[in-house]
Amino acid sequence: QRATPASHANAIAKMDEKIETLKAELKELKKAGSGKVEAMTKRISKMEADRRNKDETKNVSLGTSKINYNDPRVTVAWCKRFEVPIHRPFPKTLLAKFTWAMSVEPDYEF
């Protein structure tokens, strides 16, 4: 748990504005009979899902589990096994903190 960020309301308002703009563009595309209607519909759906996700997770610290609960050796081994760049799951600060785990083999099992 964490406190709701002060900028949360502003971020949600900006997302709402963007969604309304996209919906207006969709209306124009439908009037014009453009072939981009489906792409715009998908874009609007994604924005709405992102907005819901942002609102639902406003009090959740999403990075905590990577630091406190996941063994970094397991994550590093998984990244090596599936050729995922290590900087994808770990920001620079955690890479520096978990240097001891970077030498693990791809077939490491906990």
N, C-alpha and C. Protein backbone atom coordinates (compact mmCIF):
# COMPACT_ATOMS: atom_id res chain seq x y z
N GLN A 1 0.83 -1.19 0.00
CA GLN A 1 0.00 0.00 0.00
C GLN A 1 0.87 1.25 0.00
N ARG A 2 0.35 2.27 -0.62
CA ARG A 2 1.02 3.56 -0.60
C ARG A 2 -0.04 4.64 -0.67
N ALA A 3 0.37 5.87 -0.36
CA ALA A 3 -0.56 6.99 -0.45
C ALA A 3 -0.83 7.30 -1.92
N THR A 4 -2.00 7.79 -2.20
CA THR A 4 -2.35 8.18 -3.56
C THR A 4 -1.47 9.36 -3.97
N PRO A 5 -0.81 9.26 -5.13
CA PRO A 5 0.05 10.37 -5.56
C PRO A 5 -0.75 11.66 -5.75
N ALA A 6 -0.11 12.78 -5.46
CA ALA A 6 -0.78 14.08 -5.57
C ALA A 6 -1.19 14.37 -7.01
N SER A 7 -0.43 13.87 -7.96
CA SER A 7 -0.71 14.15 -9.37
C SER A 7 -1.70 13.17 -9.99
N HIS A 8 -2.24 12.26 -9.20
CA HIS A 8 -3.14 11.23 -9.74
C HIS A 8 -4.37 11.82 -10.43
N ALA A 9 -5.01 12.77 -9.78
CA ALA A 9 -6.23 13.37 -10.35
C ALA A 9 -5.92 14.06 -11.67
N ASN A 10 -4.79 14.76 -11.74
CA ASN A 10 -4.41 15.43 -12.99
C ASN A 10 -4.14 14.42 -14.09
N ALA A 11 -3.45 13.33 -13.75
CA ALA A 11 -3.13 12.31 -14.74
C ALA A 11 -4.40 11.66 -15.28
N ILE A 12 -5.35 11.37 -14.41
CA ILE A 12 -6.62 10.78 -14.83
C ILE A 12 -7.40 11.76 -15.71
N ALA A 13 -7.38 13.03 -15.33
CA ALA A 13 -8.09 14.05 -16.13
C ALA A 13 -7.49 14.16 -17.53
N LYS A 14 -6.16 14.11 -17.62
CA LYS A 14 -5.50 14.16 -18.93
C LYS A 14 -5.85 12.94 -19.77
N MET A 15 -5.90 11.78 -19.12
CA MET A 15 -6.27 10.56 -19.85
C MET A 15 -7.71 10.65 -20.34
N ASP A 16 -8.61 11.20 -19.51
CA ASP A 16 -10.00 11.37 -19.92
C ASP A 16 -10.11 12.30 -21.12
N GLU A 17 -9.34 13.40 -21.09
CA GLU A 17 -9.33 14.34 -22.22
C GLU A 17 -8.87 13.65 -23.49
N LYS A 18 -7.81 12.86 -23.37
CA LYS A 18 -7.26 12.17 -24.52
C LYS A 18 -8.28 11.17 -25.09
N ILE A 19 -8.96 10.46 -24.20
CA ILE A 19 -9.98 9.50 -24.64
C ILE A 19 -11.12 10.23 -25.37
N GLU A 20 -11.56 11.36 -24.83
CA GLU A 20 -12.62 12.13 -25.49
C GLU A 20 -12.17 12.63 -26.85
N THR A 21 -10.92 13.07 -26.96
CA THR A 21 -10.37 13.51 -28.25
C THR A 21 -10.37 12.36 -29.24
N LEU A 22 -9.94 11.20 -28.79
CA LEU A 22 -9.90 10.03 -29.68
C LEU A 22 -11.31 9.63 -30.12
N LYS A 23 -12.28 9.73 -29.22
CA LYS A 23 -13.66 9.40 -29.57
C LYS A 23 -14.20 10.38 -30.62
N ALA A 24 -13.83 11.66 -30.49
CA ALA A 24 -14.25 12.66 -31.48
C ALA A 24 -13.61 12.34 -32.84
N GLU A 25 -12.33 11.95 -32.82
CA GLU A 25 -11.65 11.57 -34.06
C GLU A 25 -12.31 10.34 -34.67
N LEU A 26 -12.73 9.40 -33.83
CA LEU A 26 -13.41 8.20 -34.32
C LEU A 26 -14.71 8.57 -35.03
N LYS A 27 -15.47 9.52 -34.47
CA LYS A 27 -16.71 9.97 -35.12
C LYS A 27 -16.42 10.53 -36.51
N GLU A 28 -15.35 11.34 -36.58
CA GLU A 28 -14.97 11.94 -37.87
C GLU A 28 -14.58 10.85 -38.87
N LEU A 29 -13.84 9.84 -38.39
CA LEU A 29 -13.42 8.76 -39.27
C LEU A 29 -14.62 7.96 -39.78
N LYS A 30 -15.60 7.75 -38.89
CA LYS A 30 -16.81 7.03 -39.30
C LYS A 30 -17.59 7.81 -40.35
N LYS A 31 -17.67 9.14 -40.16
CA LYS A 31 -18.36 9.99 -41.13
C LYS A 31 -17.67 9.93 -42.48
N ALA A 32 -16.33 9.96 -42.46
CA ALA A 32 -15.56 9.97 -43.70
C ALA A 32 -15.49 8.59 -44.35
N GLY A 33 -15.86 7.57 -43.59
CA GLY A 33 -15.81 6.21 -44.12
C GLY A 33 -14.38 5.70 -44.26
N SER A 34 -13.53 6.18 -43.41
CA SER A 34 -12.11 5.81 -43.46
C SER A 34 -11.90 4.36 -43.02
N GLY A 35 -10.82 3.77 -43.49
CA GLY A 35 -10.47 2.40 -43.12
C GLY A 35 -9.75 2.32 -41.80
N LYS A 36 -9.53 3.47 -41.16
CA LYS A 36 -8.78 3.50 -39.90
C LYS A 36 -9.68 3.39 -38.67
N VAL A 37 -10.95 3.10 -38.88
CA VAL A 37 -11.92 3.03 -37.77
C VAL A 37 -11.53 1.93 -36.79
N GLU A 38 -11.17 0.76 -37.31
CA GLU A 38 -10.84 -0.36 -36.42
C GLU A 38 -9.61 -0.06 -35.57
N ALA A 39 -8.58 0.54 -36.20
CA ALA A 39 -7.36 0.88 -35.47
C ALA A 39 -7.65 1.91 -34.37
N MET A 40 -8.50 2.88 -34.69
CA MET A 40 -8.85 3.91 -33.70
C MET A 40 -9.66 3.30 -32.56
N THR A 41 -10.54 2.36 -32.87
CA THR A 41 -11.33 1.69 -31.84
C THR A 41 -10.42 0.92 -30.89
N LYS A 42 -9.43 0.24 -31.44
CA LYS A 42 -8.47 -0.49 -30.59
C LYS A 42 -7.68 0.48 -29.72
N ARG A 43 -7.31 1.61 -30.30
CA ARG A 43 -6.53 2.61 -29.55
C ARG A 43 -7.35 3.15 -28.38
N ILE A 44 -8.63 3.41 -28.63
CA ILE A 44 -9.51 3.91 -27.57
C ILE A 44 -9.67 2.85 -26.48
N SER A 45 -9.86 1.60 -26.87
CA SER A 45 -10.01 0.51 -25.89
C SER A 45 -8.77 0.40 -25.02
N LYS A 46 -7.60 0.51 -25.63
CA LYS A 46 -6.34 0.43 -24.88
C LYS A 46 -6.21 1.59 -23.90
N MET A 47 -6.56 2.79 -24.35
CA MET A 47 -6.49 3.96 -23.47
C MET A 47 -7.45 3.81 -22.29
N GLU A 48 -8.65 3.30 -22.55
CA GLU A 48 -9.62 3.11 -21.46
C GLU A 48 -9.13 2.05 -20.47
N ALA A 49 -8.52 1.00 -20.99
CA ALA A 49 -7.98 -0.04 -20.11
C ALA A 49 -6.82 0.51 -19.28
N ASP A 50 -5.96 1.31 -19.91
CA ASP A 50 -4.85 1.93 -19.19
C ASP A 50 -5.36 2.85 -18.08
N ARG A 51 -6.42 3.59 -18.39
CA ARG A 51 -6.99 4.50 -17.39
C ARG A 51 -7.55 3.72 -16.21
N ARG A 52 -8.31 2.65 -16.51
CA ARG A 52 -8.85 1.81 -15.43
C ARG A 52 -7.72 1.23 -14.57
N ASN A 53 -6.69 0.73 -15.24
CA ASN A 53 -5.56 0.13 -14.53
C ASN A 53 -4.87 1.16 -13.64
N LYS A 54 -4.66 2.36 -14.16
CA LYS A 54 -4.00 3.42 -13.39
C LYS A 54 -4.84 3.79 -12.17
N ASP A 55 -6.15 3.86 -12.35
CA ASP A 55 -7.02 4.23 -11.25
C ASP A 55 -7.10 3.12 -10.19
N GLU A 56 -7.14 1.87 -10.65
CA GLU A 56 -7.25 0.75 -9.70
C GLU A 56 -5.96 0.50 -8.93
N THR A 57 -4.82 0.86 -9.50
CA THR A 57 -3.54 0.59 -8.84
C THR A 57 -2.91 1.84 -8.23
N LYS A 58 -3.72 2.88 -8.01
CA LYS A 58 -3.17 4.13 -7.49
C LYS A 58 -2.58 3.98 -6.09
N ASN A 59 -3.05 3.03 -5.32
CA ASN A 59 -2.55 2.83 -3.96
C ASN A 59 -1.62 1.64 -3.83
N VAL A 60 -1.20 1.07 -4.95
CA VAL A 60 -0.36 -0.12 -4.92
C VAL A 60 1.04 0.24 -5.38
N SER A 61 2.01 -0.15 -4.61
CA SER A 61 3.40 0.05 -5.00
C SER A 61 3.82 -1.13 -5.86
N LEU A 62 3.85 -0.92 -7.18
CA LEU A 62 4.05 -2.01 -8.11
C LEU A 62 5.47 -2.57 -8.12
N GLY A 63 6.45 -1.80 -7.68
CA GLY A 63 7.83 -2.27 -7.72
C GLY A 63 8.26 -3.02 -6.48
N THR A 64 7.47 -3.02 -5.43
CA THR A 64 7.87 -3.61 -4.16
C THR A 64 8.19 -5.09 -4.26
N SER A 65 7.38 -5.84 -4.99
CA SER A 65 7.59 -7.29 -5.02
C SER A 65 8.91 -7.66 -5.67
N LYS A 66 9.39 -6.86 -6.64
CA LYS A 66 10.67 -7.17 -7.27
C LYS A 66 11.81 -7.04 -6.27
N ILE A 67 11.66 -6.15 -5.33
CA ILE A 67 12.73 -5.93 -4.36
C ILE A 67 12.61 -6.89 -3.18
N ASN A 68 11.41 -7.02 -2.65
CA ASN A 68 11.23 -7.73 -1.39
C ASN A 68 10.86 -9.21 -1.50
N TYR A 69 10.19 -9.61 -2.56
CA TYR A 69 9.64 -10.96 -2.58
C TYR A 69 10.25 -11.88 -3.63
N ASN A 70 10.71 -11.35 -4.74
CA ASN A 70 11.27 -12.20 -5.79
C ASN A 70 12.77 -12.36 -5.63
N ASP A 71 13.23 -13.58 -5.72
CA ASP A 71 14.67 -13.84 -5.69
C ASP A 71 15.24 -13.37 -7.03
N PRO A 72 16.18 -12.42 -7.02
CA PRO A 72 16.70 -11.89 -8.27
C PRO A 72 17.41 -12.95 -9.12
N ARG A 73 17.93 -14.01 -8.49
CA ARG A 73 18.59 -15.07 -9.27
C ARG A 73 17.60 -15.78 -10.17
N VAL A 74 16.36 -15.97 -9.70
CA VAL A 74 15.33 -16.61 -10.51
C VAL A 74 14.99 -15.73 -11.70
N THR A 75 14.82 -14.44 -11.46
CA THR A 75 14.49 -13.50 -12.54
C THR A 75 15.62 -13.43 -13.56
N VAL A 76 16.87 -13.37 -13.09
CA VAL A 76 18.02 -13.30 -13.99
C VAL A 76 18.11 -14.57 -14.82
N ALA A 77 17.93 -15.72 -14.20
CA ALA A 77 17.98 -16.99 -14.93
C ALA A 77 16.89 -17.04 -15.99
N TRP A 78 15.69 -16.59 -15.64
CA TRP A 78 14.59 -16.58 -16.60
C TRP A 78 14.91 -15.67 -17.79
N CYS A 79 15.47 -14.49 -17.49
CA CYS A 79 15.84 -13.55 -18.56
C CYS A 79 16.89 -14.17 -19.49
N LYS A 80 17.85 -14.84 -18.91
CA LYS A 80 18.89 -15.48 -19.74
C LYS A 80 18.30 -16.63 -20.56
N ARG A 81 17.44 -17.41 -19.95
CA ARG A 81 16.85 -18.55 -20.63
C ARG A 81 16.01 -18.13 -21.83
N PHE A 82 15.25 -17.05 -21.68
CA PHE A 82 14.35 -16.61 -22.75
C PHE A 82 14.87 -15.40 -23.51
N GLU A 83 16.15 -15.08 -23.31
CA GLU A 83 16.84 -13.99 -24.02
C GLU A 83 16.11 -12.65 -23.90
N VAL A 84 15.67 -12.36 -22.69
CA VAL A 84 15.03 -11.07 -22.39
C VAL A 84 16.10 -10.16 -21.81
N PRO A 85 16.25 -8.94 -22.31
CA PRO A 85 17.26 -8.03 -21.75
C PRO A 85 17.01 -7.81 -20.25
N ILE A 86 18.06 -7.88 -19.48
CA ILE A 86 17.95 -7.81 -18.02
C ILE A 86 17.43 -6.46 -17.55
N HIS A 87 17.61 -5.42 -18.34
CA HIS A 87 17.12 -4.10 -17.93
C HIS A 87 15.61 -3.97 -18.06
N ARG A 88 14.93 -4.97 -18.64
CA ARG A 88 13.47 -4.92 -18.75
C ARG A 88 12.80 -5.10 -17.38
N PRO A 89 13.13 -6.14 -16.62
CA PRO A 89 12.47 -6.27 -15.32
C PRO A 89 13.12 -5.45 -14.21
N PHE A 90 14.38 -5.08 -14.37
CA PHE A 90 15.09 -4.36 -13.30
C PHE A 90 15.53 -2.97 -13.76
N PRO A 91 15.17 -1.92 -13.03
CA PRO A 91 15.72 -0.60 -13.33
C PRO A 91 17.20 -0.55 -12.93
N LYS A 92 17.89 0.51 -13.33
CA LYS A 92 19.33 0.64 -13.07
C LYS A 92 19.68 0.49 -11.59
N THR A 93 18.85 1.07 -10.73
CA THR A 93 19.16 1.01 -9.30
C THR A 93 19.15 -0.42 -8.78
N LEU A 94 18.20 -1.23 -9.26
CA LEU A 94 18.16 -2.63 -8.82
C LEU A 94 19.27 -3.44 -9.47
N LEU A 95 19.65 -3.11 -10.69
CA LEU A 95 20.78 -3.81 -11.33
C LEU A 95 22.03 -3.61 -10.48
N ALA A 96 22.23 -2.40 -9.99
CA ALA A 96 23.39 -2.12 -9.14
C ALA A 96 23.29 -2.86 -7.81
N LYS A 97 22.08 -2.96 -7.28
CA LYS A 97 21.87 -3.62 -6.00
C LYS A 97 22.04 -5.14 -6.10
N PHE A 98 21.65 -5.72 -7.25
CA PHE A 98 21.68 -7.17 -7.42
C PHE A 98 22.83 -7.66 -8.30
N THR A 99 23.97 -6.99 -8.28
CA THR A 99 25.11 -7.44 -9.09
C THR A 99 25.52 -8.86 -8.74
N TRP A 100 25.32 -9.26 -7.50
CA TRP A 100 25.69 -10.60 -7.05
C TRP A 100 24.86 -11.67 -7.73
N ALA A 101 23.68 -11.33 -8.24
CA ALA A 101 22.80 -12.32 -8.85
C ALA A 101 22.99 -12.43 -10.37
N MET A 102 23.76 -11.54 -10.95
CA MET A 102 23.87 -11.48 -12.40
C MET A 102 24.69 -12.63 -13.00
N SER A 103 25.46 -13.31 -12.21
CA SER A 103 26.31 -14.38 -12.73
C SER A 103 25.64 -15.76 -12.69
N VAL A 104 24.38 -15.81 -12.37
CA VAL A 104 23.66 -17.08 -12.26
C VAL A 104 23.50 -17.71 -13.66
N GLU A 105 23.47 -19.03 -13.70
CA GLU A 105 23.32 -19.77 -14.96
C GLU A 105 21.86 -19.75 -15.41
N PRO A 106 21.60 -19.87 -16.73
CA PRO A 106 20.22 -19.86 -17.23
C PRO A 106 19.35 -21.01 -16.72
N ASP A 107 19.97 -22.10 -16.30
CA ASP A 107 19.19 -23.24 -15.82
C ASP A 107 19.05 -23.27 -14.29
N TYR A 108 19.31 -22.13 -13.65
CA TYR A 108 19.21 -22.03 -12.18
C TYR A 108 17.78 -22.33 -11.74
N GLU A 109 17.65 -23.12 -10.69
CA GLU A 109 16.36 -23.40 -10.08
C GLU A 109 16.47 -23.15 -8.59
N PHE A 110 15.47 -22.55 -8.01
CA PHE A 110 15.47 -22.24 -6.59
C PHE A 110 15.16 -23.47 -5.78
